[in-house]
Amino acid sequence: MSDTSTAQTIQTGAGPSGAGFNPRPLYLVAALAAVAAFAFWGGIENLFKRWGEQQELSHGYFLPVIAGWMIWARREALRGSLGKPVLLGVAGVAVSAIVLVLSELTVTSLMIFQHLAMILLFSSLALALGGWRVFWLTLLPIGFMLFMVPPPYWVITVLSQQFQLWSSQLGVAMIELLGIPVFLSGNIIDLGDYKLQVAEACSGLRYLFPFLSLGFLAAYLFQAPLWQRAIVFLSTIPITIVMNSFRIAVTGLLVQRFGPEHAEGFIHMFEGWVVFILCLALLFGVIALMARISGNKSFTDLLGLPDIEPRSDAGVWTKDRFMLHAGVSIALLAAAGAYVHFGISNILRVPDRVDLAGLPYELEGWRNDVQHVDSATVDVLGADDYLITNLTSPEKEQFNLYIAYLDMQRHGHSWHSPRQCIPGGGWQIVDHKVQPVTLEDGSRFHYNRIVIENRGARQLLYYWYDQRSRRIANEFVMKALLIFDAVRLRRTDGAMIRIMTPVSQNETMETADARLLGFMNKIDPMLDPYVPPADAPATRAFDPNDYD
């Protein structure tokens, strides 16, 4: 269908605009936007919360605007490409609504499901209201919004640890090239008189997440073959790692020459901005290189919006089909939103249990020193019941026990992984493994074994998740089973258990492991009254006022 025939069709009233246009389609679009915002309000709030709380995600505010600009730039092609609204798009809207309900019912702590459902909704509406050609024209701009979706906290923790390790190793290599004696222990760079800790904030993720989205946008604007665009986008990862290592090396050099004040404050922040600008310069260098390969052209000649011509769809756009699909989509989203906001509160159940405060007193002959924390720390822990205590056995063996119990995991209400919290206390993870264990009662499970260090002091810790008769090491597996148990048992309660013992300078890790395994065998059989198993009665309903 030509542009002329498309314009004639629209003017006769068959299309969404023109002289014979009825405004009802626009009213339906506005109603769709309002109902979608109502249904996904929790996910939208969580997006703004994560963008505001985590510096590596603060660029997220701009990404919906950029995606909107990308769609606006294609408006003429979209107008000329309207085709038969597709029923499969309505099915996609239904899937989005189902994912929304399941995410609220089960694992709101994994809000990524709800965020991805929103993006699926946008693409589904393009197909349901505008046809296949509109769907394909909006797929890339809508897909760009994937960069605004915050990864789960534990994913950021794992990535941060790996980036810290890579940045530390490369940074030390660069310092050695400058002829400065240096020693790396974990993430501690020892310069002799000074020691630099490559903290989580210096891992490079603050560059990586915004730089990935910039790299994608640059590849979108770069008018070159697909393989060259892919190189431009993927180059952002090594550029980030190398330049963050360069930043660490420069900081080490300044600290070694002028003192530790150069590792913090304004100068540290200034170095970060300089490095980010250098990252952009290197990215433009990659684009210039690709442009040279494309025919000795300046890369500025190859940067610009892609020229997209309108193409007619296989079918003809009709107002009746548009309004039918829009109306069904509104009904689906309204039903899902109403169920999420008003009908879900009595679904999940909370089992009866004994408060954790009584657990240390079951260890006869042991001395315990229960630790109490302030209300701000309690809010950070996010636990409905918790226990932090230092324990000394009759044989003078020392342990620390931390248990955080949740009645249910909803509205971001979940545990903070020890791997996320340990670096904040100045400790560095020097070894992490997932180990199997068979307890004296014959039960078997896997746990996380971690060795941490801080200024020569060492600690050995184990942690695992105990939820509804399962003991799990992996956070992702724990979240997946949460969905299953929410449907099967109508429960999402459980605990995170961490046990720890100091390791003296003159003892081996094997000795410390034997001591901690003995404590694990002692404490685990006592937990059922405090961490209810799967067959525990659960009669108390969820009260939304407790979690808002």
Protein backbone atom coordinates (compact mmCIF):
# COMPACT_ATOMS: atom_id res chain seq x y z
CA MET A 1 0.00 0.00 0.00
CA SER A 2 1.48 3.39 -0.96
CA ASP A 3 1.66 6.46 1.26
CA THR A 4 -1.04 8.11 -0.89
CA SER A 5 -3.48 5.23 -0.51
CA THR A 6 -2.75 5.09 3.23
CA ALA A 7 -3.58 8.78 3.57
CA GLN A 8 -6.79 8.30 1.57
CA THR A 9 -7.81 5.37 3.79
CA ILE A 10 -7.22 7.45 6.92
CA GLN A 11 -9.21 10.40 5.59
CA THR A 12 -12.23 8.23 4.89
CA GLY A 13 -12.46 7.36 8.57
CA ALA A 14 -11.00 3.87 8.41
CA GLY A 15 -7.77 4.92 10.08
CA PRO A 16 -6.93 6.45 13.45
CA SER A 17 -6.63 10.03 12.20
CA GLY A 18 -7.93 12.28 9.46
CA ALA A 19 -11.02 14.28 8.51
CA GLY A 20 -13.46 11.53 9.40
CA PHE A 21 -11.62 10.55 12.57
CA ASN A 22 -13.64 9.51 15.63
CA PRO A 23 -11.76 10.42 18.86
CA ARG A 24 -12.73 7.21 20.68
CA PRO A 25 -9.49 5.37 19.76
CA LEU A 26 -7.44 8.07 21.48
CA TYR A 27 -9.65 7.82 24.56
CA LEU A 28 -8.97 4.09 24.61
CA VAL A 29 -5.21 4.66 24.34
CA ALA A 30 -5.38 7.09 27.28
CA ALA A 31 -7.46 4.59 29.25
CA LEU A 32 -4.93 1.85 28.42
CA ALA A 33 -2.06 3.99 29.74
CA ALA A 34 -3.94 4.79 32.95
CA VAL A 35 -4.97 1.18 33.61
CA ALA A 36 -1.45 -0.11 32.86
CA ALA A 37 0.03 2.43 35.29
CA PHE A 38 -2.51 1.34 37.93
CA ALA A 39 -1.79 -2.35 37.43
CA PHE A 40 2.01 -2.00 37.40
CA TRP A 41 2.26 0.77 39.97
CA GLY A 42 4.32 -1.37 42.34
CA GLY A 43 6.84 -2.13 39.61
CA ILE A 44 7.03 1.54 38.57
CA GLU A 45 7.62 2.60 42.19
CA ASN A 46 10.36 -0.01 42.52
CA LEU A 47 12.07 1.28 39.36
CA PHE A 48 12.26 4.82 40.73
CA LYS A 49 13.40 3.52 44.11
CA ARG A 50 16.25 1.47 42.63
CA TRP A 51 17.31 4.29 40.29
CA GLY A 52 17.46 6.68 43.23
CA GLU A 53 19.20 4.35 45.69
CA GLN A 54 21.93 2.83 43.51
CA GLN A 55 24.32 5.12 41.68
CA GLU A 56 25.11 2.50 39.04
CA LEU A 57 21.42 2.59 38.05
CA SER A 58 20.77 6.34 38.23
CA HIS A 59 20.88 6.64 34.43
CA GLY A 60 17.58 4.72 34.34
CA TYR A 61 15.59 7.95 34.63
CA PHE A 62 16.65 8.95 31.10
CA LEU A 63 16.14 5.66 29.28
CA PRO A 64 12.31 5.78 28.90
CA VAL A 65 12.72 9.32 27.52
CA ILE A 66 15.33 8.13 25.00
CA ALA A 67 13.13 5.18 24.01
CA GLY A 68 10.23 7.60 23.51
CA TRP A 69 12.43 9.80 21.34
CA MET A 70 13.44 6.79 19.23
CA ILE A 71 9.77 5.94 18.67
CA TRP A 72 8.90 9.59 17.95
CA ALA A 73 11.66 9.72 15.33
CA ARG A 74 9.90 6.82 13.57
CA ARG A 75 6.44 8.37 13.75
CA GLU A 76 6.05 8.87 9.99
CA ALA A 77 7.07 5.28 9.29
CA LEU A 78 4.71 4.05 12.03
CA ARG A 79 1.81 6.09 10.67
CA GLY A 80 2.33 4.67 7.20
CA SER A 81 2.80 1.10 8.47
CA LEU A 82 -0.44 0.58 10.39
CA GLY A 83 -1.89 -2.81 9.64
CA LYS A 84 -4.43 -5.31 10.85
CA PRO A 85 -4.42 -5.51 14.69
CA VAL A 86 -3.25 -8.99 15.69
CA LEU A 87 -4.99 -11.16 18.28
CA LEU A 88 -1.63 -12.62 19.35
CA GLY A 89 -0.83 -9.20 20.82
CA VAL A 90 -3.85 -9.49 23.11
CA ALA A 91 -2.48 -12.87 24.22
CA GLY A 92 0.79 -11.10 25.05
CA VAL A 93 -1.14 -8.59 27.17
CA ALA A 94 -2.74 -11.54 28.98
CA VAL A 95 0.69 -13.08 29.65
CA SER A 96 1.89 -9.73 31.05
CA ALA A 97 -1.11 -9.61 33.38
CA ILE A 98 -0.49 -13.19 34.55
CA VAL A 99 3.19 -12.49 35.24
CA LEU A 100 2.16 -9.38 37.18
CA VAL A 101 -0.19 -11.40 39.40
CA LEU A 102 2.37 -14.18 39.95
CA SER A 103 5.14 -11.71 40.76
CA GLU A 104 2.97 -10.01 43.37
CA LEU A 105 1.70 -13.31 44.71
CA THR A 106 5.12 -14.85 45.11
CA VAL A 107 8.42 -13.09 44.57
CA THR A 108 7.98 -9.37 44.62
CA SER A 109 11.53 -9.34 45.95
CA LEU A 110 12.46 -10.34 42.38
CA MET A 111 10.80 -7.34 40.79
CA ILE A 112 12.62 -8.05 37.54
CA PHE A 113 9.70 -10.29 36.54
CA GLN A 114 7.27 -7.40 36.81
CA HIS A 115 9.63 -5.02 35.01
CA LEU A 116 10.05 -7.46 32.13
CA ALA A 117 6.27 -7.94 32.04
CA MET A 118 5.90 -4.17 31.49
CA ILE A 119 8.22 -4.30 28.48
CA LEU A 120 6.36 -7.34 27.14
CA LEU A 121 3.16 -5.33 27.56
CA PHE A 122 4.47 -2.46 25.43
CA SER A 123 5.43 -4.76 22.55
CA SER A 124 2.19 -6.73 22.85
CA LEU A 125 0.12 -3.55 22.62
CA ALA A 126 2.04 -2.49 19.50
CA LEU A 127 1.09 -5.81 17.90
CA ALA A 128 -2.48 -5.86 19.21
CA LEU A 129 -3.28 -2.30 18.07
CA GLY A 130 -1.02 -1.65 15.07
CA GLY A 131 -0.18 -4.97 13.45
CA TRP A 132 3.05 -6.80 12.67
CA ARG A 133 4.82 -3.96 10.88
CA VAL A 134 4.27 -1.56 13.82
CA PHE A 135 5.46 -4.31 16.16
CA TRP A 136 8.76 -4.70 14.30
CA LEU A 137 9.28 -0.92 14.02
CA THR A 138 8.86 -0.45 17.79
CA LEU A 139 10.73 -3.58 18.85
CA LEU A 140 14.17 -1.97 19.03
CA PRO A 141 13.10 1.21 20.93
CA ILE A 142 11.04 -0.87 23.35
CA GLY A 143 13.88 -3.38 23.67
CA PHE A 144 16.19 -0.49 24.57
CA MET A 145 14.16 -0.13 27.76
CA LEU A 146 15.62 -3.44 28.95
CA PHE A 147 18.62 -1.36 30.04
CA MET A 148 16.41 0.46 32.54
CA VAL A 149 15.50 -2.81 34.32
CA PRO A 150 17.57 -3.17 37.52
CA PRO A 151 19.14 -6.60 37.98
CA PRO A 152 18.33 -8.38 41.28
CA TYR A 153 20.49 -7.24 44.19
CA TRP A 154 22.34 -10.56 44.38
CA VAL A 155 23.23 -10.36 40.68
CA ILE A 156 24.77 -6.92 41.24
CA THR A 157 26.66 -8.35 44.24
CA VAL A 158 28.14 -11.19 42.20
CA LEU A 159 29.01 -8.89 39.28
CA SER A 160 30.54 -6.35 41.64
CA GLN A 161 32.77 -8.98 43.24
CA GLN A 162 34.00 -10.19 39.85
CA PHE A 163 34.61 -6.65 38.59
CA GLN A 164 36.44 -5.80 41.83
CA LEU A 165 38.75 -8.78 41.26
CA TRP A 166 39.45 -7.93 37.60
CA SER A 167 39.93 -4.23 38.35
CA SER A 168 42.28 -4.99 41.26
CA GLN A 169 44.41 -7.37 39.21
CA LEU A 170 44.70 -5.03 36.22
CA GLY A 171 45.20 -2.00 38.46
CA VAL A 172 48.11 -3.71 40.27
CA ALA A 173 49.64 -4.71 36.92
CA MET A 174 49.52 -1.06 35.82
CA ILE A 175 51.06 0.11 39.12
CA GLU A 176 53.89 -2.41 38.68
CA LEU A 177 54.54 -1.03 35.18
CA LEU A 178 55.17 2.34 36.83
CA GLY A 179 57.93 0.73 38.93
CA ILE A 180 56.07 0.97 42.23
CA PRO A 181 56.32 -2.05 44.59
CA VAL A 182 52.83 -3.36 45.26
CA PHE A 183 51.17 -6.48 46.62
CA LEU A 184 47.58 -7.62 46.04
CA SER A 185 45.69 -9.55 48.72
CA GLY A 186 42.09 -10.16 47.70
CA ASN A 187 40.87 -6.64 46.90
CA ILE A 188 43.46 -4.93 49.14
CA ILE A 189 46.29 -3.19 47.26
CA ASP A 190 49.27 -3.00 49.62
CA LEU A 191 51.63 -0.13 48.78
CA GLY A 192 53.74 -0.57 51.90
CA ASP A 193 52.87 2.50 53.96
CA TYR A 194 49.34 2.60 52.57
CA LYS A 195 46.71 0.02 51.78
CA LEU A 196 43.96 0.66 49.23
CA GLN A 197 40.71 -1.27 49.43
CA VAL A 198 39.01 -1.72 46.06
CA ALA A 199 35.52 -1.40 47.50
CA GLU A 200 32.23 -2.27 45.86
CA ALA A 201 31.80 1.38 44.83
CA CYS A 202 35.05 1.13 42.83
CA SER A 203 34.16 -2.11 41.06
CA GLY A 204 33.30 -0.35 37.79
CA LEU A 205 29.58 -1.14 37.74
CA ARG A 206 28.86 2.58 38.07
CA TYR A 207 30.39 2.90 34.62
CA LEU A 208 29.27 -0.39 33.13
CA PHE A 209 25.47 -0.11 33.37
CA PRO A 210 25.14 3.43 31.94
CA PHE A 211 27.96 2.75 29.48
CA LEU A 212 26.19 -0.34 28.12
CA SER A 213 23.09 1.73 27.35
CA LEU A 214 25.22 4.45 25.75
CA GLY A 215 27.02 1.80 23.70
CA PHE A 216 23.70 0.43 22.47
CA LEU A 217 22.51 3.93 21.53
CA ALA A 218 25.79 4.61 19.72
CA ALA A 219 25.46 1.34 17.81
CA TYR A 220 21.87 2.30 16.92
CA LEU A 221 23.02 5.65 15.49
CA PHE A 222 26.07 4.15 13.75
CA GLN A 223 25.13 3.50 10.11
CA ALA A 224 27.35 0.48 9.51
CA PRO A 225 27.08 -3.29 9.03
CA LEU A 226 25.55 -5.27 11.88
CA TRP A 227 28.86 -6.88 12.90
CA GLN A 228 30.46 -3.46 13.32
CA ARG A 229 27.55 -2.26 15.43
CA ALA A 230 27.91 -5.38 17.60
CA ILE A 231 31.62 -4.62 18.11
CA VAL A 232 30.79 -1.03 19.13
CA PHE A 233 28.25 -2.25 21.69
CA LEU A 234 30.32 -5.12 23.12
CA SER A 235 33.46 -2.96 23.35
CA THR A 236 31.87 -1.11 26.28
CA ILE A 237 32.62 -4.07 28.61
CA PRO A 238 36.44 -4.26 28.15
CA ILE A 239 36.65 -0.45 27.97
CA THR A 240 34.93 -0.21 31.36
CA ILE A 241 37.19 -2.80 32.99
CA VAL A 242 40.43 -1.35 31.58
CA MET A 243 39.59 2.26 32.40
CA ASN A 244 38.38 1.42 35.91
CA SER A 245 41.69 -0.42 36.46
CA PHE A 246 43.48 2.67 35.14
CA ARG A 247 41.57 4.77 37.67
CA ILE A 248 42.66 2.44 40.48
CA ALA A 249 46.27 2.59 39.27
CA VAL A 250 46.23 6.41 39.18
CA THR A 251 44.69 6.51 42.65
CA GLY A 252 47.39 4.16 43.90
CA LEU A 253 50.07 6.35 42.34
CA LEU A 254 48.64 9.51 43.93
CA VAL A 255 48.31 7.83 47.31
CA GLN A 256 51.88 6.52 47.14
CA ARG A 257 53.25 9.94 46.19
CA PHE A 258 51.01 12.41 48.06
CA GLY A 259 49.08 10.54 50.77
CA PRO A 260 45.76 8.74 51.36
CA GLU A 261 43.60 11.86 50.99
CA HIS A 262 43.86 11.31 47.23
CA ALA A 263 41.84 8.10 47.54
CA GLU A 264 38.70 9.77 48.80
CA GLY A 265 36.59 12.89 48.71
CA PHE A 266 36.36 15.30 45.80
CA ILE A 267 39.52 14.10 44.04
CA HIS A 268 38.23 10.52 44.02
CA MET A 269 34.89 11.67 42.57
CA PHE A 270 36.68 13.88 40.04
CA GLU A 271 38.83 10.95 38.92
CA GLY A 272 35.62 8.98 38.37
CA TRP A 273 34.16 11.62 36.05
CA VAL A 274 37.46 11.94 34.16
CA VAL A 275 37.57 8.17 33.66
CA PHE A 276 33.98 8.14 32.40
CA ILE A 277 34.83 10.83 29.83
CA LEU A 278 37.86 8.77 28.80
CA CYS A 279 35.57 5.77 28.38
CA LEU A 280 33.42 7.82 26.00
CA ALA A 281 36.54 8.91 24.10
CA LEU A 282 37.60 5.27 23.66
CA LEU A 283 34.11 4.35 22.50
CA PHE A 284 34.26 7.09 19.86
CA GLY A 285 37.68 5.74 18.93
CA VAL A 286 36.15 2.31 18.28
CA ILE A 287 33.45 3.94 16.14
CA ALA A 288 36.11 5.90 14.22
CA LEU A 289 38.06 2.69 13.59
CA MET A 290 34.93 0.93 12.30
CA ALA A 291 34.17 3.94 10.10
CA ARG A 292 37.68 3.76 8.65
CA ILE A 293 37.15 0.07 7.87
CA SER A 294 33.88 1.03 6.16
CA GLY A 295 35.68 3.18 3.60
CA ASN A 296 37.91 5.85 5.14
CA LYS A 297 34.91 7.92 6.17
CA SER A 298 34.72 10.14 9.20
CA PHE A 299 32.67 8.46 11.89
CA THR A 300 30.52 11.62 12.11
CA ASP A 301 29.39 10.90 8.54
CA LEU A 302 28.04 7.55 9.70
CA LEU A 303 26.25 8.76 12.81
CA GLY A 304 22.57 9.60 12.56
CA LEU A 305 19.06 8.29 12.80
CA PRO A 306 18.38 5.31 10.55
CA ASP A 307 16.26 6.10 7.50
CA ILE A 308 13.15 3.96 7.88
CA GLU A 309 10.54 3.95 5.15
CA PRO A 310 6.88 3.13 5.87
CA ARG A 311 5.67 -0.22 4.61
CA SER A 312 2.13 -1.45 4.40
CA ASP A 313 1.17 -4.41 6.54
CA ALA A 314 -0.38 -7.59 5.17
CA GLY A 315 -3.78 -6.57 6.52
CA VAL A 316 -5.79 -3.36 6.69
CA TRP A 317 -6.09 -1.39 9.94
CA THR A 318 -9.71 -1.14 11.10
CA LYS A 319 -11.08 0.95 13.91
CA ASP A 320 -13.46 -1.78 15.09
CA ARG A 321 -10.70 -4.34 15.52
CA PHE A 322 -8.50 -1.72 17.18
CA MET A 323 -11.22 -0.85 19.70
CA LEU A 324 -11.99 -4.51 20.38
CA HIS A 325 -8.36 -5.35 21.15
CA ALA A 326 -7.91 -2.17 23.21
CA GLY A 327 -11.06 -2.89 25.20
CA VAL A 328 -10.01 -6.48 25.95
CA SER A 329 -6.54 -5.30 26.95
CA ILE A 330 -8.03 -2.72 29.31
CA ALA A 331 -10.25 -5.38 30.89
CA LEU A 332 -7.30 -7.77 31.38
CA LEU A 333 -5.07 -5.13 32.95
CA ALA A 334 -7.88 -3.75 35.12
CA ALA A 335 -8.68 -7.23 36.43
CA ALA A 336 -5.02 -7.97 37.16
CA GLY A 337 -4.51 -4.59 38.82
CA ALA A 338 -7.62 -4.95 40.97
CA TYR A 339 -6.57 -8.43 42.05
CA VAL A 340 -3.03 -7.25 42.87
CA HIS A 341 -4.15 -4.20 44.85
CA PHE A 342 -7.29 -5.48 46.55
CA GLY A 343 -7.69 -9.25 46.24
CA ILE A 344 -4.32 -10.80 46.94
CA SER A 345 -3.95 -10.00 50.63
CA ASN A 346 -5.66 -13.14 51.92
CA ILE A 347 -3.85 -15.59 49.66
CA LEU A 348 -0.55 -16.15 51.48
CA ARG A 349 -0.44 -17.66 54.97
CA VAL A 350 1.99 -17.24 57.85
CA PRO A 351 2.82 -20.23 60.08
CA ASP A 352 2.90 -20.07 63.86
CA ARG A 353 6.40 -20.21 65.30
CA VAL A 354 8.60 -19.51 68.35
CA ASP A 355 10.55 -16.24 68.55
CA LEU A 356 14.27 -16.56 67.83
CA ALA A 357 15.16 -14.86 71.12
CA GLY A 358 14.80 -18.19 72.95
CA LEU A 359 17.16 -20.20 70.72
CA PRO A 360 20.52 -19.40 72.44
CA TYR A 361 19.20 -20.60 75.80
CA GLU A 362 18.70 -24.11 74.42
CA LEU A 363 22.49 -24.47 74.29
CA GLU A 364 23.10 -25.62 77.83
CA GLY A 365 26.46 -24.68 79.27
CA TRP A 366 27.14 -22.14 76.50
CA ARG A 367 27.73 -18.46 77.17
CA ASN A 368 25.85 -16.13 74.83
CA ASP A 369 26.07 -12.43 74.17
CA VAL A 370 22.97 -11.33 72.24
CA GLN A 371 23.61 -8.31 70.02
CA HIS A 372 20.91 -5.66 69.70
CA VAL A 373 20.91 -3.20 66.79
CA ASP A 374 19.22 0.14 66.27
CA SER A 375 15.98 0.59 64.36
CA ALA A 376 17.76 1.89 61.24
CA THR A 377 19.84 -1.29 61.06
CA VAL A 378 16.73 -3.40 61.60
CA ASP A 379 15.14 -1.68 58.60
CA VAL A 380 18.22 -2.52 56.51
CA LEU A 381 18.15 -6.14 57.66
CA GLY A 382 14.51 -6.30 56.54
CA ALA A 383 13.71 -9.20 58.89
CA ASP A 384 10.47 -9.83 60.77
CA ASP A 385 12.45 -11.65 63.46
CA TYR A 386 16.20 -11.86 63.85
CA LEU A 387 18.92 -13.12 66.17
CA ILE A 388 22.54 -11.95 66.31
CA THR A 389 24.56 -13.50 69.10
CA ASN A 390 28.15 -14.36 70.00
CA LEU A 391 28.40 -17.84 71.51
CA THR A 392 31.17 -19.51 73.51
CA SER A 393 31.07 -23.28 74.01
CA PRO A 394 32.14 -25.03 77.22
CA GLU A 395 35.39 -25.83 75.35
CA LYS A 396 35.92 -22.06 74.81
CA GLU A 397 35.22 -22.28 71.06
CA GLN A 398 33.80 -19.02 69.70
CA PHE A 399 30.98 -18.62 67.18
CA ASN A 400 28.69 -15.96 65.83
CA LEU A 401 25.12 -16.90 64.89
CA TYR A 402 22.88 -14.71 62.74
CA ILE A 403 19.37 -15.75 61.70
CA ALA A 404 16.98 -13.47 59.81
CA TYR A 405 13.42 -14.77 59.51
CA LEU A 406 10.74 -13.47 57.14
CA ASP A 407 7.02 -14.17 57.49
CA MET A 408 6.76 -13.75 53.74
CA GLN A 409 8.64 -12.21 50.88
CA ARG A 410 6.62 -9.40 49.36
CA HIS A 411 7.07 -5.80 48.21
CA GLY A 412 10.85 -6.12 48.07
CA HIS A 413 10.81 -7.73 51.51
CA SER A 414 13.72 -10.16 51.31
CA TRP A 415 17.09 -11.03 52.79
CA HIS A 416 20.33 -9.22 52.18
CA SER A 417 22.86 -11.77 51.02
CA PRO A 418 25.98 -11.90 53.22
CA ARG A 419 28.01 -11.50 50.03
CA GLN A 420 26.32 -8.12 49.61
CA CYS A 421 26.86 -6.96 53.21
CA ILE A 422 30.36 -8.27 53.99
CA PRO A 423 32.31 -5.70 51.92
CA GLY A 424 30.44 -2.87 53.62
CA GLY A 425 31.98 -3.88 56.97
CA GLY A 426 35.53 -3.61 55.67
CA TRP A 427 35.92 -7.38 55.24
CA GLN A 428 37.03 -8.86 51.95
CA ILE A 429 35.87 -12.18 50.54
CA VAL A 430 39.02 -14.14 49.68
CA ASP A 431 37.39 -17.51 49.02
CA HIS A 432 33.84 -18.60 48.24
CA LYS A 433 32.60 -22.10 47.48
CA VAL A 434 29.32 -23.97 47.53
CA GLN A 435 29.88 -27.10 49.59
CA PRO A 436 27.77 -30.23 50.19
CA VAL A 437 27.26 -31.50 53.73
CA THR A 438 25.71 -34.58 55.33
CA LEU A 439 24.66 -33.91 58.92
CA GLU A 440 24.69 -36.43 61.72
CA ASP A 441 20.93 -36.97 61.33
CA GLY A 442 21.45 -38.00 57.69
CA SER A 443 20.06 -34.83 56.08
CA ARG A 444 21.99 -33.48 53.12
CA PHE A 445 22.14 -30.03 51.56
CA HIS A 446 24.52 -27.44 50.12
CA TYR A 447 25.76 -24.30 51.87
CA ASN A 448 27.96 -21.31 51.01
CA ARG A 449 31.45 -21.47 52.53
CA ILE A 450 33.25 -18.12 52.65
CA VAL A 451 36.62 -17.03 54.01
CA ILE A 452 36.91 -13.32 54.81
CA GLU A 453 39.86 -11.17 55.83
CA ASN A 454 40.33 -7.70 57.29
CA ARG A 455 43.77 -6.33 58.23
CA GLY A 456 45.20 -9.77 58.88
CA ALA A 457 42.19 -11.10 60.82
CA ARG A 458 40.38 -14.09 59.29
CA GLN A 459 36.90 -15.51 59.72
CA LEU A 460 35.21 -18.59 58.30
CA LEU A 461 31.49 -18.41 57.69
CA TYR A 462 28.77 -20.64 56.32
CA TYR A 463 25.35 -19.48 55.22
CA TRP A 464 22.29 -21.02 53.62
CA TYR A 465 18.57 -20.38 53.21
CA ASP A 466 16.20 -22.52 55.30
CA GLN A 467 12.69 -22.30 53.93
CA ARG A 468 9.79 -24.72 54.25
CA SER A 469 11.93 -27.88 54.85
CA ARG A 470 14.52 -26.94 52.22
CA ARG A 471 18.08 -25.77 52.87
CA ILE A 472 19.44 -24.00 49.81
CA ALA A 473 22.73 -22.31 48.96
CA ASN A 474 21.89 -20.68 45.63
CA GLU A 475 19.81 -17.49 45.71
CA PHE A 476 18.35 -18.07 42.25
CA VAL A 477 17.20 -21.61 43.13
CA MET A 478 15.76 -20.26 46.37
CA LYS A 479 13.70 -17.68 44.45
CA ALA A 480 12.51 -20.26 41.91
CA LEU A 481 11.30 -22.61 44.65
CA LEU A 482 9.58 -19.66 46.28
CA ILE A 483 7.20 -19.43 43.33
CA PHE A 484 6.41 -23.13 43.55
CA ASP A 485 5.72 -23.05 47.31
CA ALA A 486 3.60 -19.90 47.07
CA VAL A 487 1.23 -21.78 44.77
CA ARG A 488 1.51 -25.20 46.46
CA LEU A 489 1.65 -24.21 50.15
CA ARG A 490 0.50 -20.56 49.97
CA ARG A 491 3.65 -19.71 51.95
CA THR A 492 6.82 -17.71 51.24
CA ASP A 493 8.29 -17.67 54.75
CA GLY A 494 11.80 -18.81 55.65
CA ALA A 495 15.14 -17.82 57.13
CA MET A 496 18.67 -16.97 56.14
CA ILE A 497 21.14 -18.62 58.54
CA ARG A 498 24.76 -17.57 58.88
CA ILE A 499 27.28 -19.12 61.29
CA MET A 500 30.82 -17.84 61.71
CA THR A 501 33.99 -18.59 63.67
CA PRO A 502 37.29 -16.69 63.94
CA VAL A 503 40.40 -18.33 62.48
CA SER A 504 43.56 -17.66 64.47
CA GLN A 505 46.92 -17.12 62.79
CA ASN A 506 48.32 -20.43 64.01
CA GLU A 507 45.46 -22.71 62.99
CA THR A 508 44.56 -24.26 59.66
CA MET A 509 41.33 -23.81 57.75
CA GLU A 510 40.69 -27.55 58.17
CA THR A 511 40.55 -27.06 61.94
CA ALA A 512 38.19 -24.11 61.59
CA ASP A 513 35.97 -26.10 59.17
CA ALA A 514 35.75 -29.01 61.61
CA ARG A 515 34.75 -26.60 64.40
CA LEU A 516 32.10 -24.86 62.31
CA LEU A 517 30.67 -28.12 60.95
CA GLY A 518 30.32 -29.34 64.53
CA PHE A 519 28.37 -26.18 65.38
CA MET A 520 26.18 -26.66 62.28
CA ASN A 521 25.32 -30.19 63.45
CA LYS A 522 24.41 -28.84 66.87
CA ILE A 523 22.27 -25.89 65.81
CA ASP A 524 20.38 -27.36 62.82
CA PRO A 525 18.19 -29.87 64.77
CA MET A 526 16.98 -27.06 67.03
CA LEU A 527 15.57 -24.85 64.27
CA ASP A 528 12.15 -26.36 63.45
CA PRO A 529 10.18 -24.43 66.13
CA TYR A 530 11.83 -21.18 64.99
CA VAL A 531 11.90 -21.83 61.23
CA PRO A 532 8.71 -23.82 60.53
CA PRO A 533 8.97 -26.77 58.10
CA ALA A 534 6.66 -27.37 55.15
CA ASP A 535 4.12 -29.35 57.20
CA ALA A 536 3.75 -26.69 59.89
CA PRO A 537 0.19 -25.30 60.20
CA ALA A 538 -0.21 -21.87 58.64
CA THR A 539 -3.44 -20.18 59.66
CA ARG A 540 -2.52 -16.51 59.93
CA ALA A 541 -3.31 -14.52 56.77
CA PHE A 542 -1.08 -11.88 55.28
CA ASP A 543 -1.78 -8.36 56.59
CA PRO A 544 -0.78 -5.83 53.90
CA ASN A 545 -0.43 -3.09 56.53
CA ASP A 546 2.58 -4.95 57.95
CA TYR A 547 4.52 -4.62 54.69
CA ASP A 548 3.57 -1.27 53.22
